[in-house]
Protein backbone atom coordinates (compact mmCIF):
# COMPACT_ATOMS: atom_id res chain seq x y z
CA MET A 1 0.10 0.02 0.13
CA ARG A 2 2.55 2.17 0.99
CA LEU A 3 4.74 1.43 -2.74
CA PHE A 4 1.30 2.25 -4.03
CA SER A 5 0.80 5.56 -2.67
CA ILE A 6 4.61 6.60 -3.32
CA ALA A 7 3.88 5.97 -6.93
CA MET A 8 1.01 7.56 -7.24
CA SER A 9 2.95 11.00 -5.47
CA CYS A 10 5.28 10.24 -8.20
CA PHE A 11 2.56 10.22 -10.73
CA ILE A 12 1.18 13.39 -9.61
CA VAL A 13 4.37 15.32 -9.20
CA LEU A 14 5.45 13.87 -13.02
CA ASN A 15 2.08 15.02 -14.16
CA ALA A 16 2.01 18.46 -12.67
CA PHE A 17 5.35 19.18 -14.21
CA VAL A 18 4.21 18.26 -17.84
CA LEU A 19 0.97 20.51 -17.55
CA GLN A 20 3.46 23.47 -16.78
CA SER A 21 5.21 22.84 -19.56
CA ASP A 22 4.93 23.73 -23.32
CA VAL A 23 4.70 20.82 -25.08
CA ALA A 24 5.59 20.09 -28.86
CA PHE A 25 2.48 19.55 -30.64
CA LYS A 26 2.89 19.77 -34.95
CA THR A 27 5.73 20.44 -36.99
CA ILE A 28 5.41 21.75 -40.43
CA LEU A 29 8.63 21.87 -42.68
CA VAL A 30 9.12 25.14 -44.86
CA ASN A 31 11.45 24.42 -47.79
CA ASP A 32 11.63 28.25 -48.77
CA LYS A 33 14.11 29.55 -46.35
CA SER A 34 12.54 33.29 -47.43
CA ALA A 35 9.25 32.34 -47.01
CA HIS A 36 6.85 34.42 -44.61
CA ILE A 37 4.45 32.59 -41.93
CA LYS A 38 0.77 33.90 -41.22
CA ILE A 39 -1.58 32.27 -38.60
CA ASP A 40 -5.54 33.02 -38.62
CA ASP A 41 -8.01 32.95 -35.61
CA PHE A 42 -8.53 29.51 -36.12
CA GLY A 43 -4.98 28.36 -36.03
CA ASN A 44 -4.37 27.38 -39.72
CA THR A 45 -0.99 28.01 -40.94
CA TYR A 46 -0.07 30.05 -44.30
CA VAL A 47 3.31 29.51 -45.59
CA ILE A 48 3.97 32.23 -48.10
CA SER A 49 6.75 32.44 -50.57
CA LYS A 50 7.29 34.68 -53.37
CA THR A 51 4.81 33.01 -55.86
CA GLU A 52 2.79 30.57 -53.94
CA ILE A 53 0.74 30.11 -50.73
CA LEU A 54 0.22 26.89 -48.89
CA LYS A 55 -2.20 26.45 -46.38
CA TYR A 56 -2.13 24.06 -42.94
CA THR A 57 -5.10 23.06 -40.82
CA ILE A 58 -4.48 23.45 -36.87
CA ASN A 59 -3.66 19.80 -37.07
CA GLY A 60 -0.68 20.63 -39.34
CA LEU A 61 -2.59 18.91 -42.30
CA PHE A 62 -2.27 20.43 -45.70
CA VAL A 63 -5.15 22.12 -47.33
CA LYS A 64 -4.12 23.78 -50.28
CA SER A 65 -2.00 25.79 -52.56
CA PHE A 66 -2.70 28.73 -54.40
CA SER A 67 -0.46 30.47 -57.18
CA ALA A 68 -0.21 32.96 -59.75
CA LYS A 69 2.62 33.71 -60.93
CA ARG A 70 1.27 35.95 -63.79
CA TYR A 71 0.47 38.44 -61.37
CA GLY A 72 4.41 38.93 -60.02
CA SER A 73 5.49 38.19 -56.53
CA ILE A 74 3.40 38.39 -53.65
CA ASP A 75 4.09 41.27 -51.35
CA PHE A 76 1.66 40.93 -48.66
CA VAL A 77 -0.75 38.58 -47.00
CA ASP A 78 -3.39 39.31 -45.01
CA VAL A 79 -5.64 36.43 -43.05
CA THR A 80 -7.08 38.43 -40.55
CA ASN A 81 -10.80 37.26 -42.31
CA PRO A 82 -9.63 33.88 -42.91
CA LEU A 83 -13.08 33.74 -45.42
CA LYS A 84 -11.89 36.44 -47.10
CA ILE A 85 -7.76 36.65 -47.69
CA LEU A 86 -6.29 39.83 -49.09
CA VAL A 87 -2.86 39.11 -50.99
CA TYR A 88 -1.21 42.13 -52.23
CA TYR A 89 0.90 42.50 -55.45
CA LYS A 90 3.04 45.58 -55.01
CA ASP A 91 5.09 45.18 -57.95
CA PHE A 92 2.18 45.69 -60.32
CA GLN A 93 -0.26 47.44 -57.74
CA GLN A 94 -3.06 45.04 -57.60
CA ILE A 95 -5.12 43.22 -54.95
CA LEU A 96 -7.14 39.51 -55.09
CA PHE A 97 -9.31 38.52 -52.49
CA LEU A 98 -9.17 34.94 -51.84
CA ASP A 99 -11.71 32.36 -50.08
CA ASN A 100 -11.23 29.72 -47.09
CA GLN A 101 -9.66 27.03 -49.87
CA LEU A 102 -7.78 29.80 -51.68
CA THR A 103 -9.67 30.14 -54.29
CA ALA A 104 -9.77 33.96 -55.97
CA SER A 105 -13.52 35.26 -54.68
CA SER A 106 -12.82 38.45 -56.51
CA ASN A 107 -11.47 40.15 -59.78
CA MET A 108 -8.19 41.78 -59.49
CA ILE A 109 -8.35 45.24 -58.00
CA SER A 110 -6.00 47.77 -59.83
CA LEU A 111 -4.82 50.44 -57.63
CA GLU A 112 -3.69 52.03 -60.38
CA ASN A 113 -7.08 52.54 -61.85
CA LEU A 114 -8.25 54.14 -58.50
CA GLY A 115 -5.51 56.89 -59.06
CA LEU A 116 -2.72 55.34 -56.30
CA GLU A 117 0.56 54.44 -58.14
CA GLN A 118 2.60 54.29 -55.17
CA THR A 119 0.62 52.38 -52.33
CA ASN A 120 3.41 50.15 -50.14
CA LEU A 121 0.91 49.23 -47.64
CA VAL A 122 -2.41 47.50 -47.66
CA CYS A 123 -4.81 45.52 -45.36
CA THR A 124 -8.03 43.59 -44.77
CA SER A 125 -11.02 46.04 -43.37
CA VAL A 126 -14.45 44.89 -42.12
CA ASN A 127 -17.62 44.28 -44.79
CA ASN A 128 -15.37 43.23 -47.50
CA SER A 129 -13.27 46.17 -47.55
CA PHE A 130 -9.48 47.35 -47.51
CA TRP A 131 -7.27 50.08 -46.14
CA LEU A 132 -4.13 51.46 -48.04
CA PHE A 133 -1.50 53.65 -47.09
CA ASP A 134 -0.78 55.50 -50.38
CA LYS A 135 3.42 56.65 -49.82
CA GLN A 136 3.26 59.20 -52.70
CA ASN A 137 0.95 61.68 -50.62
CA ASN A 138 1.17 60.21 -47.17
CA SER A 139 -2.41 59.20 -47.11
CA LEU A 140 -4.32 56.77 -45.43
CA LEU A 141 -7.54 55.60 -47.36
CA ARG A 142 -10.30 53.09 -47.19
CA PHE A 143 -12.29 51.48 -49.77
CA ASN A 144 -15.46 49.26 -50.13
CA GLU A 145 -15.74 45.96 -51.85
CA LYS A 146 -16.54 47.92 -55.27
CA SER A 147 -13.67 50.06 -55.01
CA ASN A 148 -15.63 53.06 -53.97
CA GLN A 149 -13.68 55.44 -51.38
CA LEU A 150 -14.95 55.14 -47.91
CA VAL A 151 -12.30 57.56 -45.75
CA LYS A 152 -9.42 59.48 -46.87
CA ILE A 153 -7.16 61.13 -44.65
CA ASP A 154 -4.32 63.68 -46.83
CA ASN A 155 -1.25 64.38 -45.67
CA LEU A 156 -0.58 62.74 -42.52
CA LYS A 157 3.09 63.95 -42.37
CA ARG A 158 1.72 67.03 -42.00
CA VAL A 159 -1.13 66.42 -40.08
CA LEU A 160 0.72 64.42 -37.50
CA ASP A 161 3.98 66.49 -37.75
CA MET A 162 5.76 63.20 -38.20
CA ASP A 163 8.14 61.77 -40.74
CA LEU A 164 6.13 58.71 -41.49
CA LYS A 165 8.04 55.79 -42.99
CA PRO A 166 5.15 52.81 -42.14
CA ASN A 167 5.82 49.03 -42.39
CA PHE A 168 2.76 47.48 -41.54
CA LEU A 169 -1.00 48.55 -41.57
CA LYS A 170 -3.61 46.52 -39.84
CA GLU A 171 -6.99 46.69 -38.71
CA LYS A 172 -8.65 45.28 -35.24
CA ASN A 173 -11.67 45.72 -33.36
CA ASN A 174 -12.62 48.82 -35.20
CA TYR A 175 -9.47 50.31 -34.80
CA VAL A 176 -6.66 50.97 -37.61
CA TYR A 177 -2.73 50.75 -36.62
CA LEU A 178 0.24 52.01 -38.54
CA ASN A 179 3.57 50.94 -37.88
CA CYS A 180 6.23 53.44 -37.72
CA PRO A 181 9.25 51.91 -36.24
CA ASP A 182 10.99 55.13 -35.52
CA GLU A 183 7.82 56.81 -33.98
CA GLY A 184 5.60 53.99 -32.57
CA ILE A 185 2.48 52.62 -33.55
CA LEU A 186 -0.30 55.02 -34.75
CA VAL A 187 -4.10 54.22 -33.57
CA PHE A 188 -7.16 55.88 -35.97
CA ASP A 189 -10.66 54.85 -35.75
CA MET A 190 -12.51 53.86 -38.67
CA TYR A 191 -13.39 57.16 -40.18
CA GLY A 192 -9.49 58.11 -40.37
CA SER A 193 -9.29 60.30 -36.72
CA PHE A 194 -5.94 59.98 -35.10
CA LEU A 195 -6.18 58.83 -31.34
CA LYS A 196 -2.76 57.96 -30.18
CA THR A 197 0.78 56.86 -30.30
CA LEU A 198 1.54 53.46 -28.47
CA PRO A 199 5.18 53.78 -27.40
CA ILE A 200 6.57 50.47 -29.13
CA LYS A 201 9.01 50.96 -31.47
CA LYS A 202 11.28 49.16 -33.73
CA LEU A 203 8.65 46.43 -34.67
CA PHE A 204 8.45 45.02 -38.08
CA GLU A 205 4.87 43.11 -37.25
CA PHE A 206 2.30 42.40 -34.42
CA ASP A 207 -0.70 41.17 -33.76
CA ILE A 208 -3.64 42.68 -31.49
CA LYS A 209 -5.93 40.72 -28.52
CA ASN A 210 -8.39 42.78 -27.00
CA GLU A 211 -6.67 45.70 -27.86
CA ASN A 212 -3.53 44.71 -26.76
CA ILE A 213 -0.05 44.25 -28.60
CA ILE A 214 1.47 41.01 -29.49
CA TYR A 215 4.80 41.06 -30.49
CA PHE A 216 7.83 39.25 -30.60
CA LYS A 217 11.30 41.21 -29.64
CA ASP A 218 14.63 40.21 -28.06
CA ASN A 219 13.44 36.79 -27.82
CA SER A 220 10.57 37.13 -26.18
CA LEU A 221 6.52 36.96 -26.76
CA ASN A 222 5.36 40.18 -25.42
CA GLU A 223 1.72 41.66 -24.63
CA TYR A 224 1.65 45.25 -24.12
CA LYS A 225 -1.52 46.15 -22.53
CA THR A 226 -3.05 49.10 -23.69
CA LYS A 227 -5.07 50.58 -20.84
CA MET A 228 -2.53 49.45 -18.28
CA PHE A 229 0.70 50.86 -20.04
CA THR A 230 2.58 47.69 -19.12
CA THR A 231 4.14 44.61 -20.89
CA ASN A 232 4.28 41.08 -20.09
CA SER A 233 6.82 39.15 -21.64
CA LYS A 234 7.20 35.13 -22.04
CA PRO A 235 11.10 35.06 -22.97
CA PHE A 236 12.01 31.93 -25.07
CA ARG A 237 15.78 30.19 -24.88
CA ASP A 238 16.19 29.21 -28.41
CA SER A 239 18.18 31.65 -30.23
CA LEU A 240 17.39 30.03 -33.35
CA ILE A 241 13.87 31.09 -33.28
CA LYS A 242 12.70 34.18 -36.14
CA THR A 243 9.40 34.88 -34.26
CA ILE A 244 6.39 33.64 -32.42
CA TYR A 245 2.94 34.14 -33.58
CA TRP A 246 0.32 33.22 -30.34
CA GLN A 247 -3.34 32.12 -31.42
CA GLY A 248 -5.48 30.30 -28.25
CA ASN A 249 -3.96 27.96 -26.49
CA HIS A 250 -1.18 27.52 -29.11
CA PHE A 251 2.51 28.98 -29.64
CA TYR A 252 3.52 29.17 -33.26
CA LYS A 253 7.46 28.79 -33.27
CA VAL A 254 8.72 30.05 -36.63
CA TYR A 255 12.02 28.65 -37.76
CA GLN A 256 14.49 29.33 -41.05
CA ASP A 257 12.84 25.73 -42.11
CA SER A 258 10.07 25.13 -39.83
CA VAL A 259 7.27 25.95 -38.25
CA ILE A 260 6.46 23.81 -34.74
CA GLN A 261 3.04 24.51 -33.15
CA VAL A 262 3.68 24.16 -29.52
CA LEU A 263 0.63 23.50 -26.98
CA LYS A 264 0.54 26.28 -23.80
CA THR A 265 -0.05 24.60 -21.03
CA ASP A 266 1.07 26.72 -18.31
């Protein structure tokens, strides 16, 4: 009986240790070392190379691929809405929307036909619309699904008295986030009114969860709480990690040649 009690105690201690650790769940191999990775709200993984998008389920199963080489190189993909994925071809100034099976769900949208020739940033918006940042005029614009202009804020450089050099644009929860590495993250409402600057600099990309900013920097996954003005960090010892995404109770560790999905259990 005593031996049984000792064995049970050892099991409980071991089990508690496992439950407090991060457990590797699935691994997706990435053949193109220059590929970019995106994770949607359902936990699907997208491996994005210059001319191709590969989609995998949360269980690591391959779903489908998309390729349209005639449009040139893929510059950016926004999977904020997994049912309407935005693909941007910067060289040709064109936008294409895909459904959840990576099938084109719209005609190609030519930004040049909209009078825009130097659009360097785009992102998905609610109600099948999209935002873009026009570098030539330092303008932030929003268009609906019929390419009709809904919002336009001209000359942000003069309005905000900043030398804007943004590198990332994202909409979430009815706010628009324009990332300027030297200035911070500029936040606008859906009408284009400037609200504030979040003091997080030198970022390449980030995600938003409950109005908090999630980003990977200095080998740590960080959560900046916009209402408390504080940052929580989870450090990772592995220096080979390129970046980490957080979705639900999973981490996605991105390496040069793979994406390792990790179950967060602590």
